[in-house]
Amino acid sequence: TQTAASTVGTILRRLAGSRAQVLGPAPAPIAR
């Protein structure tokens, strides 16, 4: 899950570019 989240974060930053701000990935407040 952590590996997938890291990959998703990388994709999101590329897709967002200058149009949006991306924060994370980070464990959810309730991590499990």
Full PDB file with SEQRES, HELIX, SHEET, SSBOND, CRYST1, ORIGX, SCALE, CONECT and MASTER records, all heavy atoms in Angstrom:
SEQRES   1 A   32  THR GLN THR ALA ALA SER THR VAL GLY THR ILE LEU ARG          
SEQRES   2 A   32  ARG LEU ALA GLY SER ARG ALA GLN VAL LEU GLY PRO ALA          
SEQRES   3 A   32  PRO ALA PRO ILE ALA ARG                                      
HELIX    1 AA1 GLN A    2  ALA A   16  1                                  15    
CRYST1    1.000    1.000    1.000  90.00  90.00  90.00 P 1           1          
ORIGX1      1.000000  0.000000  0.000000        0.00000                         
ORIGX2      0.000000  1.000000  0.000000        0.00000                         
ORIGX3      0.000000  0.000000  1.000000        0.00000                         
SCALE1      1.000000  0.000000  0.000000        0.00000                         
SCALE2      0.000000  1.000000  0.000000        0.00000                         
SCALE3      0.000000  0.000000  1.000000        0.00000                         
ATOM      1  N   THR A   1       0.831  -1.203   0.000  1.00  0.00           N  
ATOM      2  CA  THR A   1       0.000   0.000   0.000  1.00  0.00           C  
ATOM      3  C   THR A   1       0.864   1.250   0.000  1.00  0.00           C  
ATOM      4  O   THR A   1       0.579   2.222  -0.713  1.00  0.00           O  
ATOM      5  CB  THR A   1      -0.932  -0.002   1.234  1.00  0.00           C  
ATOM      6  OG1 THR A   1      -1.692  -1.214   1.259  1.00  0.00           O  
ATOM      7  CG2 THR A   1      -1.885   1.186   1.195  1.00  0.00           C  
ATOM      8  N   GLN A   2       1.937   1.245   0.783  1.00  0.00           N  
ATOM      9  CA  GLN A   2       2.832   2.400   0.814  1.00  0.00           C  
ATOM     10  C   GLN A   2       3.510   2.609  -0.542  1.00  0.00           C  
ATOM     11  O   GLN A   2       3.636   3.751  -1.012  1.00  0.00           O  
ATOM     12  CB  GLN A   2       3.888   2.223   1.902  1.00  0.00           C  
ATOM     13  CG  GLN A   2       4.801   3.432   2.053  1.00  0.00           C  
ATOM     14  CD  GLN A   2       5.701   3.327   3.272  1.00  0.00           C  
ATOM     15  OE1 GLN A   2       5.730   2.322   3.956  1.00  0.00           O  
ATOM     16  NE2 GLN A   2       6.438   4.395   3.546  1.00  0.00           N  
ATOM     17  N   THR A   3       3.917   1.517  -1.172  1.00  0.00           N  
ATOM     18  CA  THR A   3       4.537   1.627  -2.494  1.00  0.00           C  
ATOM     19  C   THR A   3       3.549   2.205  -3.505  1.00  0.00           C  
ATOM     20  O   THR A   3       3.885   3.098  -4.299  1.00  0.00           O  
ATOM     21  CB  THR A   3       5.022   0.245  -2.968  1.00  0.00           C  
ATOM     22  OG1 THR A   3       6.008  -0.251  -2.038  1.00  0.00           O  
ATOM     23  CG2 THR A   3       5.627   0.317  -4.360  1.00  0.00           C  
ATOM     24  N   ALA A   4       2.312   1.699  -3.463  1.00  0.00           N  
ATOM     25  CA  ALA A   4       1.289   2.194  -4.388  1.00  0.00           C  
ATOM     26  C   ALA A   4       0.988   3.666  -4.123  1.00  0.00           C  
ATOM     27  O   ALA A   4       0.824   4.457  -5.059  1.00  0.00           O  
ATOM     28  CB  ALA A   4       0.017   1.360  -4.253  1.00  0.00           C  
ATOM     29  N   ALA A   5       0.938   4.057  -2.849  1.00  0.00           N  
ATOM     30  CA  ALA A   5       0.656   5.455  -2.496  1.00  0.00           C  
ATOM     31  C   ALA A   5       1.759   6.372  -3.015  1.00  0.00           C  
ATOM     32  O   ALA A   5       1.486   7.477  -3.507  1.00  0.00           O  
ATOM     33  CB  ALA A   5       0.508   5.599  -0.982  1.00  0.00           C  
ATOM     34  N   SER A   6       3.001   5.920  -2.908  1.00  0.00           N  
ATOM     35  CA  SER A   6       4.118   6.722  -3.414  1.00  0.00           C  
ATOM     36  C   SER A   6       4.017   6.913  -4.929  1.00  0.00           C  
ATOM     37  O   SER A   6       4.227   8.017  -5.449  1.00  0.00           O  
ATOM     38  CB  SER A   6       5.441   6.041  -3.055  1.00  0.00           C  
ATOM     39  OG  SER A   6       6.528   6.782  -3.548  1.00  0.00           O  
ATOM     40  N   THR A   7       3.651   5.845  -5.624  1.00  0.00           N  
ATOM     41  CA  THR A   7       3.478   5.927  -7.078  1.00  0.00           C  
ATOM     42  C   THR A   7       2.327   6.862  -7.444  1.00  0.00           C  
ATOM     43  O   THR A   7       2.438   7.682  -8.364  1.00  0.00           O  
ATOM     44  CB  THR A   7       3.214   4.530  -7.668  1.00  0.00           C  
ATOM     45  OG1 THR A   7       4.298   3.666  -7.326  1.00  0.00           O  
ATOM     46  CG2 THR A   7       3.060   4.583  -9.176  1.00  0.00           C  
ATOM     47  N   VAL A   8       1.213   6.743  -6.725  1.00  0.00           N  
ATOM     48  CA  VAL A   8       0.053   7.601  -6.977  1.00  0.00           C  
ATOM     49  C   VAL A   8       0.413   9.065  -6.740  1.00  0.00           C  
ATOM     50  O   VAL A   8       0.031   9.949  -7.509  1.00  0.00           O  
ATOM     51  CB  VAL A   8      -1.137   7.181  -6.092  1.00  0.00           C  
ATOM     52  CG1 VAL A   8      -2.245   8.221  -6.139  1.00  0.00           C  
ATOM     53  CG2 VAL A   8      -1.676   5.829  -6.531  1.00  0.00           C  
ATOM     54  N   GLY A   9       1.195   9.316  -5.693  1.00  0.00           N  
ATOM     55  CA  GLY A   9       1.624  10.688  -5.416  1.00  0.00           C  
ATOM     56  C   GLY A   9       2.447  11.271  -6.550  1.00  0.00           C  
ATOM     57  O   GLY A   9       2.278  12.430  -6.936  1.00  0.00           O  
ATOM     58  N   THR A  10       3.354  10.456  -7.109  1.00  0.00           N  
ATOM     59  CA  THR A  10       4.190  10.908  -8.225  1.00  0.00           C  
ATOM     60  C   THR A  10       3.326  11.229  -9.455  1.00  0.00           C  
ATOM     61  O   THR A  10       3.524  12.249 -10.127  1.00  0.00           O  
ATOM     62  CB  THR A  10       5.227   9.825  -8.574  1.00  0.00           C  
ATOM     63  OG1 THR A  10       6.056   9.576  -7.435  1.00  0.00           O  
ATOM     64  CG2 THR A  10       6.088  10.260  -9.748  1.00  0.00           C  
ATOM     65  N   ILE A  11       2.361  10.349  -9.727  1.00  0.00           N  
ATOM     66  CA  ILE A  11       1.472  10.572 -10.880  1.00  0.00           C  
ATOM     67  C   ILE A  11       0.658  11.844 -10.676  1.00  0.00           C  
ATOM     68  O   ILE A  11       0.492  12.657 -11.602  1.00  0.00           O  
ATOM     69  CB  ILE A  11       0.534   9.356 -11.073  1.00  0.00           C  
ATOM     70  CG1 ILE A  11       1.346   8.120 -11.447  1.00  0.00           C  
ATOM     71  CG2 ILE A  11      -0.528   9.655 -12.126  1.00  0.00           C  
ATOM     72  CD1 ILE A  11       0.525   6.832 -11.475  1.00  0.00           C  
ATOM     73  N   LEU A  12       0.146  12.035  -9.468  1.00  0.00           N  
ATOM     74  CA  LEU A  12      -0.681  13.206  -9.185  1.00  0.00           C  
ATOM     75  C   LEU A  12       0.095  14.503  -9.369  1.00  0.00           C  
ATOM     76  O   LEU A  12      -0.423  15.480  -9.916  1.00  0.00           O  
ATOM     77  CB  LEU A  12      -1.243  13.135  -7.763  1.00  0.00           C  
ATOM     78  CG  LEU A  12      -2.520  12.310  -7.575  1.00  0.00           C  
ATOM     79  CD1 LEU A  12      -2.847  12.162  -6.097  1.00  0.00           C  
ATOM     80  CD2 LEU A  12      -3.689  12.953  -8.312  1.00  0.00           C  
ATOM     81  N   ARG A  13       1.338  14.536  -8.943  1.00  0.00           N  
ATOM     82  CA  ARG A  13       2.133  15.754  -9.088  1.00  0.00           C  
ATOM     83  C   ARG A  13       2.379  16.079 -10.566  1.00  0.00           C  
ATOM     84  O   ARG A  13       2.368  17.237 -10.976  1.00  0.00           O  
ATOM     85  CB  ARG A  13       3.448  15.620  -8.332  1.00  0.00           C  
ATOM     86  CG  ARG A  13       3.277  15.786  -6.831  1.00  0.00           C  
ATOM     87  CD  ARG A  13       4.589  15.734  -6.067  1.00  0.00           C  
ATOM     88  NE  ARG A  13       4.360  16.168  -4.692  1.00  0.00           N  
ATOM     89  CZ  ARG A  13       3.871  15.399  -3.734  1.00  0.00           C  
ATOM     90  NH1 ARG A  13       3.572  14.124  -4.012  1.00  0.00           N  
ATOM     91  NH2 ARG A  13       3.663  15.859  -2.518  1.00  0.00           N  
ATOM     92  N   ARG A  14       2.591  15.025 -11.339  1.00  0.00           N  
ATOM     93  CA  ARG A  14       2.773  15.258 -12.779  1.00  0.00           C  
ATOM     94  C   ARG A  14       1.484  15.769 -13.422  1.00  0.00           C  
ATOM     95  O   ARG A  14       1.491  16.717 -14.226  1.00  0.00           O  
ATOM     96  CB  ARG A  14       3.229  13.966 -13.454  1.00  0.00           C  
ATOM     97  CG  ARG A  14       3.299  14.079 -14.982  1.00  0.00           C  
ATOM     98  CD  ARG A  14       3.951  12.860 -15.610  1.00  0.00           C  
ATOM     99  NE  ARG A  14       3.366  11.612 -15.180  1.00  0.00           N  
ATOM    100  CZ  ARG A  14       2.226  11.116 -15.679  1.00  0.00           C  
ATOM    101  NH1 ARG A  14       1.542  11.794 -16.596  1.00  0.00           N  
ATOM    102  NH2 ARG A  14       1.756   9.961 -15.259  1.00  0.00           N  
ATOM    103  N   LEU A  15       0.347  15.159 -13.035  1.00  0.00           N  
ATOM    104  CA  LEU A  15      -0.936  15.560 -13.609  1.00  0.00           C  
ATOM    105  C   LEU A  15      -1.337  16.967 -13.157  1.00  0.00           C  
ATOM    106  O   LEU A  15      -1.938  17.725 -13.917  1.00  0.00           O  
ATOM    107  CB  LEU A  15      -2.028  14.568 -13.204  1.00  0.00           C  
ATOM    108  CG  LEU A  15      -1.919  13.149 -13.760  1.00  0.00           C  
ATOM    109  CD1 LEU A  15      -2.969  12.248 -13.110  1.00  0.00           C  
ATOM    110  CD2 LEU A  15      -2.094  13.143 -15.278  1.00  0.00           C  
ATOM    111  N   ALA A  16      -1.005  17.297 -11.917  1.00  0.00           N  
ATOM    112  CA  ALA A  16      -1.415  18.593 -11.364  1.00  0.00           C  
ATOM    113  C   ALA A  16      -0.626  19.740 -11.987  1.00  0.00           C  
ATOM    114  O   ALA A  16      -1.187  20.793 -12.300  1.00  0.00           O  
ATOM    115  CB  ALA A  16      -1.247  18.596  -9.845  1.00  0.00           C  
ATOM    116  N   GLY A  17       0.665  19.541 -12.177  1.00  0.00           N  
ATOM    117  CA  GLY A  17       1.503  20.604 -12.704  1.00  0.00           C  
ATOM    118  C   GLY A  17       1.354  21.861 -11.876  1.00  0.00           C  
ATOM    119  O   GLY A  17       1.452  21.826 -10.645  1.00  0.00           O  
ATOM    120  N   SER A  18       1.095  22.968 -12.541  1.00  0.00           N  
ATOM    121  CA  SER A  18       0.894  24.241 -11.838  1.00  0.00           C  
ATOM    122  C   SER A  18      -0.582  24.523 -11.565  1.00  0.00           C  
ATOM    123  O   SER A  18      -0.933  25.545 -11.005  1.00  0.00           O  
ATOM    124  CB  SER A  18       1.486  25.385 -12.655  1.00  0.00           C  
ATOM    125  OG  SER A  18       0.846  25.462 -13.933  1.00  0.00           O  
ATOM    126  N   ARG A  19      -1.455  23.579 -11.974  1.00  0.00           N  
ATOM    127  CA  ARG A  19      -2.898  23.807 -11.827  1.00  0.00           C  
ATOM    128  C   ARG A  19      -3.403  23.555 -10.423  1.00  0.00           C  
ATOM    129  O   ARG A  19      -4.458  24.057 -10.028  1.00  0.00           O  
ATOM    130  CB  ARG A  19      -3.686  22.893 -12.772  1.00  0.00           C  
ATOM    131  CG  ARG A  19      -3.403  23.090 -14.240  1.00  0.00           C  
ATOM    132  CD  ARG A  19      -4.282  22.150 -15.049  1.00  0.00           C  
ATOM    133  NE  ARG A  19      -3.990  20.739 -14.773  1.00  0.00           N  
ATOM    134  CZ  ARG A  19      -4.788  19.735 -15.149  1.00  0.00           C  
ATOM    135  NH1 ARG A  19      -5.933  19.998 -15.773  1.00  0.00           N  
ATOM    136  NH2 ARG A  19      -4.447  18.485 -14.901  1.00  0.00           N  
ATOM    137  N   ALA A  20      -2.682  22.725  -9.673  1.00  0.00           N  
ATOM    138  CA  ALA A  20      -3.175  22.295  -8.358  1.00  0.00           C  
ATOM    139  C   ALA A  20      -2.005  22.027  -7.430  1.00  0.00           C  
ATOM    140  O   ALA A  20      -0.867  21.809  -7.867  1.00  0.00           O  
ATOM    141  CB  ALA A  20      -4.037  21.040  -8.506  1.00  0.00           C  
ATOM    142  N   GLN A  21      -2.304  22.012  -6.121  1.00  0.00           N  
ATOM    143  CA  GLN A  21      -1.308  21.689  -5.103  1.00  0.00           C  
ATOM    144  C   GLN A  21      -1.570  20.277  -4.597  1.00  0.00           C  
ATOM    145  O   GLN A  21      -2.724  19.906  -4.343  1.00  0.00           O  
ATOM    146  CB  GLN A  21      -1.393  22.674  -3.936  1.00  0.00           C  
ATOM    147  CG  GLN A  21      -0.399  22.380  -2.815  1.00  0.00           C  
ATOM    148  CD  GLN A  21      -0.620  23.258  -1.598  1.00  0.00           C  
ATOM    149  OE1 GLN A  21      -1.654  23.918  -1.470  1.00  0.00           O  
ATOM    150  NE2 GLN A  21       0.351  23.271  -0.693  1.00  0.00           N  
ATOM    151  N   VAL A  22      -0.513  19.501  -4.428  1.00  0.00           N  
ATOM    152  CA  VAL A  22      -0.630  18.125  -3.960  1.00  0.00           C  
ATOM    153  C   VAL A  22       0.115  17.994  -2.635  1.00  0.00           C  
ATOM    154  O   VAL A  22       1.291  18.362  -2.541  1.00  0.00           O  
ATOM    155  CB  VAL A  22      -0.059  17.127  -4.995  1.00  0.00           C  
ATOM    156  CG1 VAL A  22      -0.156  15.695  -4.469  1.00  0.00           C  
ATOM    157  CG2 VAL A  22      -0.794  17.256  -6.324  1.00  0.00           C  
ATOM    158  N   LEU A  23      -0.550  17.471  -1.638  1.00  0.00           N  
ATOM    159  CA  LEU A  23       0.056  17.213  -0.333  1.00  0.00           C  
ATOM    160  C   LEU A  23       0.017  15.715  -0.060  1.00  0.00           C  
ATOM    161  O   LEU A  23      -1.034  15.082  -0.140  1.00  0.00           O  
ATOM    162  CB  LEU A  23      -0.696  17.949   0.777  1.00  0.00           C  
ATOM    163  CG  LEU A  23      -0.734  19.477   0.724  1.00  0.00           C  
ATOM    164  CD1 LEU A  23      -1.525  20.019   1.914  1.00  0.00           C  
ATOM    165  CD2 LEU A  23       0.672  20.051   0.722  1.00  0.00           C  
ATOM    166  N   GLY A  24       1.161  15.134   0.293  1.00  0.00           N  
ATOM    167  CA  GLY A  24       1.223  13.713   0.597  1.00  0.00           C  
ATOM    168  C   GLY A  24       1.972  12.966  -0.491  1.00  0.00           C  
ATOM    169  O   GLY A  24       2.566  13.583  -1.382  1.00  0.00           O  
ATOM    170  N   PRO A  25       1.960  11.639  -0.379  1.00  0.00           N  
ATOM    171  CA  PRO A  25       1.140  10.809   0.508  1.00  0.00           C  
ATOM    172  C   PRO A  25       1.647  10.784   1.951  1.00  0.00           C  
ATOM    173  O   PRO A  25       2.840  10.965   2.203  1.00  0.00           O  
ATOM    174  CB  PRO A  25       1.248   9.424  -0.121  1.00  0.00           C  
ATOM    175  CG  PRO A  25       2.590   9.429  -0.795  1.00  0.00           C  
ATOM    176  CD  PRO A  25       2.783  10.832  -1.299  1.00  0.00           C  
ATOM    177  N   ALA A  26       0.693  10.553   2.852  1.00  0.00           N  
ATOM    178  CA  ALA A  26       0.989  10.409   4.270  1.00  0.00           C  
ATOM    179  C   ALA A  26      -0.003   9.406   4.843  1.00  0.00           C  
ATOM    180  O   ALA A  26      -1.092   9.219   4.289  1.00  0.00           O  
ATOM    181  CB  ALA A  26       0.847  11.753   4.984  1.00  0.00           C  
ATOM    182  N   PRO A  27       0.363   8.725   5.925  1.00  0.00           N  
ATOM    183  CA  PRO A  27      -0.606   7.835   6.558  1.00  0.00           C  
ATOM    184  C   PRO A  27      -1.881   8.601   6.919  1.00  0.00           C  
ATOM    185  O   PRO A  27      -1.823   9.741   7.375  1.00  0.00           O  
ATOM    186  CB  PRO A  27       0.123   7.349   7.813  1.00  0.00           C  
ATOM    187  CG  PRO A  27       1.571   7.501   7.488  1.00  0.00           C  
ATOM    188  CD  PRO A  27       1.664   8.720   6.620  1.00  0.00           C  
ATOM    189  N   ALA A  28      -3.031   8.007   6.673  1.00  0.00           N  
ATOM    190  CA  ALA A  28      -4.297   8.625   7.048  1.00  0.00           C  
ATOM    191  C   ALA A  28      -4.350   8.782   8.567  1.00  0.00           C  
ATOM    192  O   ALA A  28      -3.655   8.056   9.301  1.00  0.00           O  
ATOM    193  CB  ALA A  28      -5.461   7.767   6.566  1.00  0.00           C  
ATOM    194  N   PRO A  29      -5.141   9.742   9.082  1.00  0.00           N  
ATOM    195  CA  PRO A  29      -5.241   9.905  10.534  1.00  0.00           C  
ATOM    196  C   PRO A  29      -5.563   8.601  11.259  1.00  0.00           C  
ATOM    197  O   PRO A  29      -5.045   8.349  12.338  1.00  0.00           O  
ATOM    198  CB  PRO A  29      -6.364  10.932  10.677  1.00  0.00           C  
ATOM    199  CG  PRO A  29      -6.257  11.765   9.444  1.00  0.00           C  
ATOM    200  CD  PRO A  29      -5.876  10.796   8.364  1.00  0.00           C  
ATOM    201  N   ILE A  30      -6.449   7.792  10.699  1.00  0.00           N  
ATOM    202  CA  ILE A  30      -6.622   6.414  11.183  1.00  0.00           C  
ATOM    203  C   ILE A  30      -5.909   5.538  10.149  1.00  0.00           C  
ATOM    204  O   ILE A  30      -6.451   5.235   9.081  1.00  0.00           O  
ATOM    205  CB  ILE A  30      -8.106   6.036  11.310  1.00  0.00           C  
ATOM    206  CG1 ILE A  30      -8.801   6.972  12.290  1.00  0.00           C  
ATOM    207  CG2 ILE A  30      -8.252   4.590  11.791  1.00  0.00           C  
ATOM    208  CD1 ILE A  30     -10.279   6.695  12.464  1.00  0.00           C  
ATOM    209  N   ALA A  31      -4.663   5.171  10.465  1.00  0.00           N  
ATOM    210  CA  ALA A  31      -3.780   4.562   9.471  1.00  0.00           C  
ATOM    211  C   ALA A  31      -4.186   3.137   9.104  1.00  0.00           C  
ATOM    212  O   ALA A  31      -3.789   2.631   8.056  1.00  0.00           O  
ATOM    213  CB  ALA A  31      -2.344   4.566   9.989  1.00  0.00           C  
ATOM    214  N   ARG A  32      -4.971   2.489   9.972  1.00  0.00           N  
ATOM    215  CA  ARG A  32      -5.454   1.147   9.659  1.00  0.00           C  
ATOM    216  C   ARG A  32      -6.926   1.093  10.031  1.00  0.00           C  
ATOM    217  O   ARG A  32      -7.314   1.428  11.149  1.00  0.00           O  
ATOM    218  CB  ARG A  32      -4.656   0.091  10.440  1.00  0.00           C  
ATOM    219  CG  ARG A  32      -5.028  -1.346  10.088  1.00  0.00           C  
ATOM    220  CD  ARG A  32      -4.054  -2.334  10.732  1.00  0.00           C  
ATOM    221  NE  ARG A  32      -4.455  -3.714  10.565  1.00  0.00           N  
ATOM    222  CZ  ARG A  32      -4.269  -4.428   9.455  1.00  0.00           C  
ATOM    223  NH1 ARG A  32      -3.676  -3.869   8.420  1.00  0.00           N  
ATOM    224  NH2 ARG A  32      -4.669  -5.681   9.371  1.00  0.00           N  
TER     225      ARG A  32                                                      
MASTER        0    0    0    1    0    0    0    6  224    1    0    3          
END                                                                             
